[in-house]
Amino acid sequence: MLGIIGGSGLSQLANLQDIRRKVVRTPYGEPSGALTFGNLNGHPVAFLARHGYSHTIAPHEVNYRANMWALHAEGVHKVLSIATVGGIHPDLKPGSIAIPNQIIDYTWGRKSTYYGCNEHYCDKSVVHVDFTWPYCEEMRQLAMNACQAVGECCIDGGVYAAMQGPRLETVAEINRLERDGATMVGMTGMPEAVLARELDLCYAALAVTANHAAGRGSSAESIPYEEVKASLDQAMGRVRGIIEKMLELEGC
């Protein structure tokens, strides 16, 4: 079953049928909300709004461990993250879609592993998880094939810079990220991606550019919030079409 994690701009899948919701308890606390199960053109899907269904959970306050554990516990094997980003690279204009293949983690203080101690048990073994390629190539290829099939232009690859948030970045910070090799910037890519790896979930992201990053393009002086909403509203309709085609191609 495919699990979909909706970010800013996608707090529900309007085209789901036979909907039921389930509250999943985890050893790591409460997920962002109940999982929503349904069928999308006859294919089973589990959906979770990363920031809650009313968009009330800030990026640094998301219980990423509970979210990924809940999906895994309910039989999800593949996860598609819908990520809203700021475009650093000139090709990442508002409304564009990229499928990143690398990530740089600038977050701090987030609970980023299932190994170690929690309130239920304590495993003090040291585990080093291979994270050379942070995204599942199978899912990336499926997403790219779906984009091509529905006539959507998508950028193959890119480096996602995961920032702490919730504030947006300064021009100097974006300049630094660009020097580091980042092509896009967001706040939720980590530890979500590495937790998926620890659970052996095939995880990839559709990165939707909401705006130019600070100091770039129309964000040269400030982030134009009125344009961001319009850009996301338009892009998320296209994302729904991509998801439907992914399910069709995969036969999930």
C-alpha atoms as a PDB file:
ATOM      1  CA  MET A   1       0.000   0.000   0.000  1.00  0.00           C
ATOM      2  CA  LEU A   2       1.177   3.500  -0.822  1.00  0.00           C
ATOM      3  CA  GLY A   3       1.391   6.024   1.980  1.00  0.00           C
ATOM      4  CA  ILE A   4       1.175   9.709   1.153  1.00  0.00           C
ATOM      5  CA  ILE A   5       2.370  12.415   3.525  1.00  0.00           C
ATOM      6  CA  GLY A   6       0.804  15.746   2.661  1.00  0.00           C
ATOM      7  CA  GLY A   7       2.659  18.947   3.485  1.00  0.00           C
ATOM      8  CA  SER A   8       1.708  22.603   3.290  1.00  0.00           C
ATOM      9  CA  GLY A   9      -0.964  22.996   0.632  1.00  0.00           C
ATOM     10  CA  LEU A  10      -2.089  19.358   0.751  1.00  0.00           C
ATOM     11  CA  SER A  11      -3.857  18.572   4.018  1.00  0.00           C
ATOM     12  CA  GLN A  12      -6.291  16.146   2.387  1.00  0.00           C
ATOM     13  CA  LEU A  13      -6.813  14.100  -0.766  1.00  0.00           C
ATOM     14  CA  ALA A  14     -10.129  15.333  -2.092  1.00  0.00           C
ATOM     15  CA  ASN A  15     -10.413  12.533  -4.653  1.00  0.00           C
ATOM     16  CA  LEU A  16     -10.260   9.660  -2.130  1.00  0.00           C
ATOM     17  CA  GLN A  17     -13.238   7.287  -1.998  1.00  0.00           C
ATOM     18  CA  ASP A  18     -14.492   4.880   0.703  1.00  0.00           C
ATOM     19  CA  ILE A  19     -12.779   6.952   3.352  1.00  0.00           C
ATOM     20  CA  ARG A  20     -12.164   5.717   6.873  1.00  0.00           C
ATOM     21  CA  ARG A  21      -9.938   7.164   9.554  1.00  0.00           C
ATOM     22  CA  LYS A  22      -7.937   5.314  12.154  1.00  0.00           C
ATOM     23  CA  VAL A  23      -6.091   6.649  15.181  1.00  0.00           C
ATOM     24  CA  VAL A  24      -2.831   4.700  15.443  1.00  0.00           C
ATOM     25  CA  ARG A  25      -1.012   4.474  18.763  1.00  0.00           C
ATOM     26  CA  THR A  26       2.774   4.243  18.601  1.00  0.00           C
ATOM     27  CA  PRO A  27       5.614   3.747  21.098  1.00  0.00           C
ATOM     28  CA  TYR A  28       6.728   7.255  20.154  1.00  0.00           C
ATOM     29  CA  GLY A  29       3.609   9.216  20.994  1.00  0.00           C
ATOM     30  CA  GLU A  30       0.853  10.603  18.825  1.00  0.00           C
ATOM     31  CA  PRO A  31       1.186  11.056  15.057  1.00  0.00           C
ATOM     32  CA  SER A  32       0.161  14.333  13.469  1.00  0.00           C
ATOM     33  CA  GLY A  33      -3.357  12.977  13.174  1.00  0.00           C
ATOM     34  CA  ALA A  34      -5.439   9.951  12.342  1.00  0.00           C
ATOM     35  CA  LEU A  35      -4.467   8.049   9.217  1.00  0.00           C
ATOM     36  CA  THR A  36      -6.958   8.429   6.400  1.00  0.00           C
ATOM     37  CA  PHE A  37      -7.505   5.264   4.362  1.00  0.00           C
ATOM     38  CA  GLY A  38      -9.339   5.157   1.071  1.00  0.00           C
ATOM     39  CA  ASN A  39      -9.277   4.178  -2.573  1.00  0.00           C
ATOM     40  CA  LEU A  40      -7.964   6.316  -5.372  1.00  0.00           C
ATOM     41  CA  ASN A  41      -9.349   5.005  -8.645  1.00  0.00           C
ATOM     42  CA  GLY A  42      -9.537   1.556  -7.065  1.00  0.00           C
ATOM     43  CA  HIS A  43      -6.073   1.622  -5.493  1.00  0.00           C
ATOM     44  CA  PRO A  44      -5.672   1.585  -1.688  1.00  0.00           C
ATOM     45  CA  VAL A  45      -3.976   4.606  -0.145  1.00  0.00           C
ATOM     46  CA  ALA A  46      -3.073   5.747   3.358  1.00  0.00           C
ATOM     47  CA  PHE A  47      -2.843   9.507   3.811  1.00  0.00           C
ATOM     48  CA  LEU A  48      -1.399  11.564   6.660  1.00  0.00           C
ATOM     49  CA  ALA A  49      -1.310  15.348   6.947  1.00  0.00           C
ATOM     50  CA  ARG A  50       2.176  16.105   8.262  1.00  0.00           C
ATOM     51  CA  HIS A  51       1.143  19.349   9.951  1.00  0.00           C
ATOM     52  CA  GLY A  52      -2.239  18.055  11.139  1.00  0.00           C
ATOM     53  CA  TYR A  53      -5.507  18.301   9.250  1.00  0.00           C
ATOM     54  CA  SER A  54      -5.903  21.925  10.362  1.00  0.00           C
ATOM     55  CA  HIS A  55      -2.237  22.748   9.671  1.00  0.00           C
ATOM     56  CA  THR A  56      -1.438  23.517  13.311  1.00  0.00           C
ATOM     57  CA  ILE A  57       1.878  21.665  13.814  1.00  0.00           C
ATOM     58  CA  ALA A  58       5.061  23.591  13.037  1.00  0.00           C
ATOM     59  CA  PRO A  59       7.862  21.778  11.162  1.00  0.00           C
ATOM     60  CA  HIS A  60      10.133  21.500  14.218  1.00  0.00           C
ATOM     61  CA  GLU A  61       7.220  20.175  16.336  1.00  0.00           C
ATOM     62  CA  VAL A  62       6.139  17.339  14.019  1.00  0.00           C
ATOM     63  CA  ASN A  63       6.429  13.919  15.664  1.00  0.00           C
ATOM     64  CA  TYR A  64       8.245  12.364  12.724  1.00  0.00           C
ATOM     65  CA  ARG A  65       8.945   9.092  14.522  1.00  0.00           C
ATOM     66  CA  ALA A  66       5.274   8.544  15.332  1.00  0.00           C
ATOM     67  CA  ASN A  67       4.198   9.457  11.797  1.00  0.00           C
ATOM     68  CA  MET A  68       6.509   7.013  10.057  1.00  0.00           C
ATOM     69  CA  TRP A  69       5.904   4.276  12.625  1.00  0.00           C
ATOM     70  CA  ALA A  70       2.127   4.590  12.208  1.00  0.00           C
ATOM     71  CA  LEU A  71       2.333   4.222   8.432  1.00  0.00           C
ATOM     72  CA  HIS A  72       4.658   1.244   8.739  1.00  0.00           C
ATOM     73  CA  ALA A  73       2.459  -0.411  11.372  1.00  0.00           C
ATOM     74  CA  GLU A  74      -0.572  -0.176   9.082  1.00  0.00           C
ATOM     75  CA  GLY A  75       1.047  -2.025   6.200  1.00  0.00           C
ATOM     76  CA  VAL A  76       2.499   0.847   4.168  1.00  0.00           C
ATOM     77  CA  HIS A  77       5.642  -0.170   2.274  1.00  0.00           C
ATOM     78  CA  LYS A  78       6.103   2.824  -0.017  1.00  0.00           C
ATOM     79  CA  VAL A  79       5.853   6.460   0.998  1.00  0.00           C
ATOM     80  CA  LEU A  80       5.501   9.555  -1.156  1.00  0.00           C
ATOM     81  CA  SER A  81       6.206  12.807   0.631  1.00  0.00           C
ATOM     82  CA  ILE A  82       4.651  15.980  -0.758  1.00  0.00           C
ATOM     83  CA  ALA A  83       7.148  18.684   0.179  1.00  0.00           C
ATOM     84  CA  THR A  84       6.748  22.425  -0.268  1.00  0.00           C
ATOM     85  CA  VAL A  85      10.076  24.127  -0.969  1.00  0.00           C
ATOM     86  CA  GLY A  86      11.681  27.388  -1.846  1.00  0.00           C
ATOM     87  CA  GLY A  87      13.586  27.361  -5.095  1.00  0.00           C
ATOM     88  CA  ILE A  88      17.301  28.128  -4.913  1.00  0.00           C
ATOM     89  CA  HIS A  89      18.318  26.912  -8.365  1.00  0.00           C
ATOM     90  CA  PRO A  90      17.084  29.187 -11.207  1.00  0.00           C
ATOM     91  CA  ASP A  91      15.143  26.291 -12.764  1.00  0.00           C
ATOM     92  CA  LEU A  92      13.018  25.943  -9.622  1.00  0.00           C
ATOM     93  CA  LYS A  93      10.443  28.620 -10.273  1.00  0.00           C
ATOM     94  CA  PRO A  94       7.136  28.871  -8.356  1.00  0.00           C
ATOM     95  CA  GLY A  95       4.883  25.993  -9.381  1.00  0.00           C
ATOM     96  CA  SER A  96       7.698  23.764 -10.630  1.00  0.00           C
ATOM     97  CA  ILE A  97       8.020  20.170  -9.424  1.00  0.00           C
ATOM     98  CA  ALA A  98      11.269  18.382  -8.653  1.00  0.00           C
ATOM     99  CA  ILE A  99      12.074  14.886  -7.438  1.00  0.00           C
ATOM    100  CA  PRO A 100      15.182  15.316  -5.275  1.00  0.00           C
ATOM    101  CA  ASN A 101      17.855  12.666  -5.013  1.00  0.00           C
ATOM    102  CA  GLN A 102      19.976  14.152  -2.213  1.00  0.00           C
ATOM    103  CA  ILE A 103      19.448  15.935   1.084  1.00  0.00           C
ATOM    104  CA  ILE A 104      21.493  18.032   3.526  1.00  0.00           C
ATOM    105  CA  ASP A 105      20.320  18.158   7.124  1.00  0.00           C
ATOM    106  CA  TYR A 106      20.624  21.505   8.910  1.00  0.00           C
ATOM    107  CA  THR A 107      18.030  20.712  11.576  1.00  0.00           C
ATOM    108  CA  TRP A 108      18.860  20.281  15.245  1.00  0.00           C
ATOM    109  CA  GLY A 109      17.229  18.794  18.323  1.00  0.00           C
ATOM    110  CA  ARG A 110      14.776  16.592  16.431  1.00  0.00           C
ATOM    111  CA  LYS A 111      14.383  12.957  17.439  1.00  0.00           C
ATOM    112  CA  SER A 112      15.900  11.355  14.396  1.00  0.00           C
ATOM    113  CA  THR A 113      16.274   7.636  15.072  1.00  0.00           C
ATOM    114  CA  TYR A 114      14.358   4.663  16.406  1.00  0.00           C
ATOM    115  CA  TYR A 115      17.491   3.266  18.033  1.00  0.00           C
ATOM    116  CA  GLY A 116      18.291   4.077  21.643  1.00  0.00           C
ATOM    117  CA  CYS A 117      16.026   4.610  24.645  1.00  0.00           C
ATOM    118  CA  ASN A 118      12.402   5.682  24.822  1.00  0.00           C
ATOM    119  CA  GLU A 119       9.676   5.421  27.388  1.00  0.00           C
ATOM    120  CA  HIS A 120       8.974   1.757  26.591  1.00  0.00           C
ATOM    121  CA  TYR A 121      12.375   0.133  26.088  1.00  0.00           C
ATOM    122  CA  CYS A 122      16.060   0.860  25.822  1.00  0.00           C
ATOM    123  CA  ASP A 123      18.349  -0.474  23.107  1.00  0.00           C
ATOM    124  CA  LYS A 124      21.820   0.948  23.628  1.00  0.00           C
ATOM    125  CA  SER A 125      23.391  -0.703  20.594  1.00  0.00           C
ATOM    126  CA  VAL A 126      25.034   1.672  18.140  1.00  0.00           C
ATOM    127  CA  VAL A 127      23.512   1.421  14.658  1.00  0.00           C
ATOM    128  CA  HIS A 128      24.884   3.226  11.614  1.00  0.00           C
ATOM    129  CA  VAL A 129      22.276   3.390   8.843  1.00  0.00           C
ATOM    130  CA  ASP A 130      23.539   3.694   5.279  1.00  0.00           C
ATOM    131  CA  PHE A 131      22.211   6.969   3.908  1.00  0.00           C
ATOM    132  CA  THR A 132      24.405   7.406   0.835  1.00  0.00           C
ATOM    133  CA  TRP A 133      21.335   7.772  -1.350  1.00  0.00           C
ATOM    134  CA  PRO A 134      18.562   9.072   0.932  1.00  0.00           C
ATOM    135  CA  TYR A 135      15.664   8.568  -1.467  1.00  0.00           C
ATOM    136  CA  CYS A 136      14.375   5.290  -2.857  1.00  0.00           C
ATOM    137  CA  GLU A 137      15.300   5.185  -6.538  1.00  0.00           C
ATOM    138  CA  GLU A 138      12.383   2.894  -7.354  1.00  0.00           C
ATOM    139  CA  MET A 139       9.919   5.472  -6.065  1.00  0.00           C
ATOM    140  CA  ARG A 140      11.770   8.319  -7.729  1.00  0.00           C
ATOM    141  CA  GLN A 141      11.587   6.589 -11.096  1.00  0.00           C
ATOM    142  CA  LEU A 142       7.895   5.836 -10.585  1.00  0.00           C
ATOM    143  CA  ALA A 143       7.203   9.494  -9.828  1.00  0.00           C
ATOM    144  CA  MET A 144       9.147  10.646 -12.882  1.00  0.00           C
ATOM    145  CA  ASN A 145       7.354   8.144 -15.117  1.00  0.00           C
ATOM    146  CA  ALA A 146       4.015   9.356 -13.770  1.00  0.00           C
ATOM    147  CA  CYS A 147       4.933  12.976 -14.460  1.00  0.00           C
ATOM    148  CA  GLN A 148       5.868  12.096 -18.014  1.00  0.00           C
ATOM    149  CA  ALA A 149       2.678  10.090 -18.522  1.00  0.00           C
ATOM    150  CA  VAL A 150       0.424  12.979 -17.492  1.00  0.00           C
ATOM    151  CA  GLY A 151       2.457  15.577 -19.372  1.00  0.00           C
ATOM    152  CA  GLU A 152       3.942  17.252 -16.308  1.00  0.00           C
ATOM    153  CA  CYS A 153       7.419  18.691 -16.547  1.00  0.00           C
ATOM    154  CA  CYS A 154       9.477  17.622 -13.544  1.00  0.00           C
ATOM    155  CA  ILE A 155      13.096  18.122 -12.631  1.00  0.00           C
ATOM    156  CA  ASP A 156      15.009  14.884 -12.115  1.00  0.00           C
ATOM    157  CA  GLY A 157      17.142  15.232  -9.018  1.00  0.00           C
ATOM    158  CA  GLY A 158      18.140  18.059  -6.765  1.00  0.00           C
ATOM    159  CA  VAL A 159      19.513  18.659  -3.300  1.00  0.00           C
ATOM    160  CA  TYR A 160      16.983  19.375  -0.562  1.00  0.00           C
ATOM    161  CA  ALA A 161      18.276  21.534   2.294  1.00  0.00           C
ATOM    162  CA  ALA A 162      16.307  20.713   5.452  1.00  0.00           C
ATOM    163  CA  MET A 163      16.187  23.769   7.722  1.00  0.00           C
ATOM    164  CA  GLN A 164      14.916  23.990  11.283  1.00  0.00           C
ATOM    165  CA  GLY A 165      12.168  26.572  10.792  1.00  0.00           C
ATOM    166  CA  PRO A 166       9.572  27.705  11.445  1.00  0.00           C
ATOM    167  CA  ARG A 167      10.947  31.033  10.256  1.00  0.00           C
ATOM    168  CA  LEU A 168      12.064  31.447   6.681  1.00  0.00           C
ATOM    169  CA  GLU A 169      15.702  31.972   5.775  1.00  0.00           C
ATOM    170  CA  THR A 170      17.834  35.065   5.352  1.00  0.00           C
ATOM    171  CA  VAL A 171      19.494  35.919   2.059  1.00  0.00           C
ATOM    172  CA  ALA A 172      22.881  35.068   3.608  1.00  0.00           C
ATOM    173  CA  GLU A 173      21.606  31.648   4.670  1.00  0.00           C
ATOM    174  CA  ILE A 174      20.304  30.887   1.186  1.00  0.00           C
ATOM    175  CA  ASN A 175      23.647  31.991  -0.261  1.00  0.00           C
ATOM    176  CA  ARG A 176      25.356  29.551   2.090  1.00  0.00           C
ATOM    177  CA  LEU A 177      23.001  26.730   1.117  1.00  0.00           C
ATOM    178  CA  GLU A 178      23.715  27.385  -2.542  1.00  0.00           C
ATOM    179  CA  ARG A 179      27.457  27.224  -1.897  1.00  0.00           C
ATOM    180  CA  ASP A 180      26.861  23.915  -0.113  1.00  0.00           C
ATOM    181  CA  GLY A 181      25.194  22.561  -3.248  1.00  0.00           C
ATOM    182  CA  ALA A 182      21.525  22.811  -2.256  1.00  0.00           C
ATOM    183  CA  THR A 183      19.030  23.513  -5.025  1.00  0.00           C
ATOM    184  CA  MET A 184      15.902  23.799  -2.862  1.00  0.00           C
ATOM    185  CA  VAL A 185      15.066  24.541   0.754  1.00  0.00           C
ATOM    186  CA  GLY A 186      12.384  23.140   3.056  1.00  0.00           C
ATOM    187  CA  MET A 187      11.788  22.311   6.714  1.00  0.00           C
ATOM    188  CA  THR A 188      10.397  18.778   6.883  1.00  0.00           C
ATOM    189  CA  GLY A 189      12.642  16.509   4.805  1.00  0.00           C
ATOM    190  CA  MET A 190      14.602  15.409   7.873  1.00  0.00           C
ATOM    191  CA  PRO A 191      14.384  13.301   9.918  1.00  0.00           C
ATOM    192  CA  GLU A 192      11.480  11.951   7.868  1.00  0.00           C
ATOM    193  CA  ALA A 193      13.709  10.466   5.181  1.00  0.00           C
ATOM    194  CA  VAL A 194      16.133   8.695   7.513  1.00  0.00           C
ATOM    195  CA  LEU A 195      13.332   7.305   9.688  1.00  0.00           C
ATOM    196  CA  ALA A 196      11.809   5.803   6.551  1.00  0.00           C
ATOM    197  CA  ARG A 197      15.183   4.209   5.822  1.00  0.00           C
ATOM    198  CA  GLU A 198      15.369   2.711   9.330  1.00  0.00           C
ATOM    199  CA  LEU A 199      11.926   1.161   8.799  1.00  0.00           C
ATOM    200  CA  ASP A 200      12.900  -0.090   5.326  1.00  0.00           C
ATOM    201  CA  LEU A 201      10.224   2.030   3.669  1.00  0.00           C
ATOM    202  CA  CYS A 202      10.713   2.975   0.023  1.00  0.00           C
ATOM    203  CA  TYR A 203      10.539   6.768   0.380  1.00  0.00           C
ATOM    204  CA  ALA A 204      10.675   9.588  -2.156  1.00  0.00           C
ATOM    205  CA  ALA A 205       9.512  13.190  -2.339  1.00  0.00           C
ATOM    206  CA  LEU A 206       7.654  15.370  -4.792  1.00  0.00           C
ATOM    207  CA  ALA A 207       9.067  18.820  -4.102  1.00  0.00           C
ATOM    208  CA  VAL A 208       6.696  21.594  -5.140  1.00  0.00           C
ATOM    209  CA  THR A 209       8.268  25.037  -5.397  1.00  0.00           C
ATOM    210  CA  ALA A 210       6.040  27.535  -3.614  1.00  0.00           C
ATOM    211  CA  ASN A 211       8.321  30.527  -4.049  1.00  0.00           C
ATOM    212  CA  HIS A 212      11.798  31.662  -4.945  1.00  0.00           C
ATOM    213  CA  ALA A 213      14.097  31.338  -1.943  1.00  0.00           C
ATOM    214  CA  ALA A 214      15.082  34.552  -0.149  1.00  0.00           C
ATOM    215  CA  GLY A 215      17.064  36.902  -2.350  1.00  0.00           C
ATOM    216  CA  ARG A 216      16.058  35.145  -5.573  1.00  0.00           C
ATOM    217  CA  GLY A 217      13.588  36.149  -8.270  1.00  0.00           C
ATOM    218  CA  SER A 218      10.340  37.565  -6.928  1.00  0.00           C
ATOM    219  CA  SER A 219      11.660  37.021  -3.375  1.00  0.00           C
ATOM    220  CA  ALA A 220      14.565  39.438  -3.845  1.00  0.00           C
ATOM    221  CA  GLU A 221      13.220  41.794  -1.165  1.00  0.00           C
ATOM    222  CA  SER A 222      10.681  39.624   0.702  1.00  0.00           C
ATOM    223  CA  ILE A 223       8.591  36.478   0.253  1.00  0.00           C
ATOM    224  CA  PRO A 224       5.380  37.380  -1.654  1.00  0.00           C
ATOM    225  CA  TYR A 225       2.897  35.411   0.461  1.00  0.00           C
ATOM    226  CA  GLU A 226      -0.074  36.234  -1.749  1.00  0.00           C
ATOM    227  CA  GLU A 227       1.699  34.580  -4.679  1.00  0.00           C
ATOM    228  CA  VAL A 228       2.705  31.552  -2.607  1.00  0.00           C
ATOM    229  CA  LYS A 229      -0.889  30.491  -1.899  1.00  0.00           C
ATOM    230  CA  ALA A 230      -1.926  30.885  -5.519  1.00  0.00           C
ATOM    231  CA  SER A 231       1.093  28.928  -6.680  1.00  0.00           C
ATOM    232  CA  LEU A 232       0.434  26.084  -4.227  1.00  0.00           C
ATOM    233  CA  ASP A 233      -3.283  25.871  -4.994  1.00  0.00           C
ATOM    234  CA  GLN A 234      -2.519  25.463  -8.679  1.00  0.00           C
ATOM    235  CA  ALA A 235       0.369  23.042  -8.183  1.00  0.00           C
ATOM    236  CA  MET A 236      -1.434  20.720  -5.769  1.00  0.00           C
ATOM    237  CA  GLY A 237      -4.127  20.003  -8.336  1.00  0.00           C
ATOM    238  CA  ARG A 238      -1.362  18.763 -10.620  1.00  0.00           C
ATOM    239  CA  VAL A 239       0.176  16.752  -7.782  1.00  0.00           C
ATOM    240  CA  ARG A 240      -3.096  14.864  -7.306  1.00  0.00           C
ATOM    241  CA  GLY A 241      -2.989  13.872 -10.968  1.00  0.00           C
ATOM    242  CA  ILE A 242       0.590  12.647 -10.593  1.00  0.00           C
ATOM    243  CA  ILE A 243      -0.359  10.543  -7.568  1.00  0.00           C
ATOM    244  CA  GLU A 244      -3.235   8.939  -9.446  1.00  0.00           C
ATOM    245  CA  LYS A 245      -0.935   8.051 -12.338  1.00  0.00           C
ATOM    246  CA  MET A 246       1.695   6.615  -9.972  1.00  0.00           C
ATOM    247  CA  LEU A 247      -0.894   4.270  -8.507  1.00  0.00           C
ATOM    248  CA  GLU A 248      -2.019   3.257 -11.980  1.00  0.00           C
ATOM    249  CA  LEU A 249       1.522   2.563 -13.185  1.00  0.00           C
ATOM    250  CA  GLU A 250       2.503   0.701 -10.062  1.00  0.00           C
ATOM    251  CA  GLY A 251      -0.746  -1.234  -9.746  1.00  0.00           C
ATOM    252  CA  CYS A 252      -0.657  -0.608  -5.983  1.00  0.00           C
END
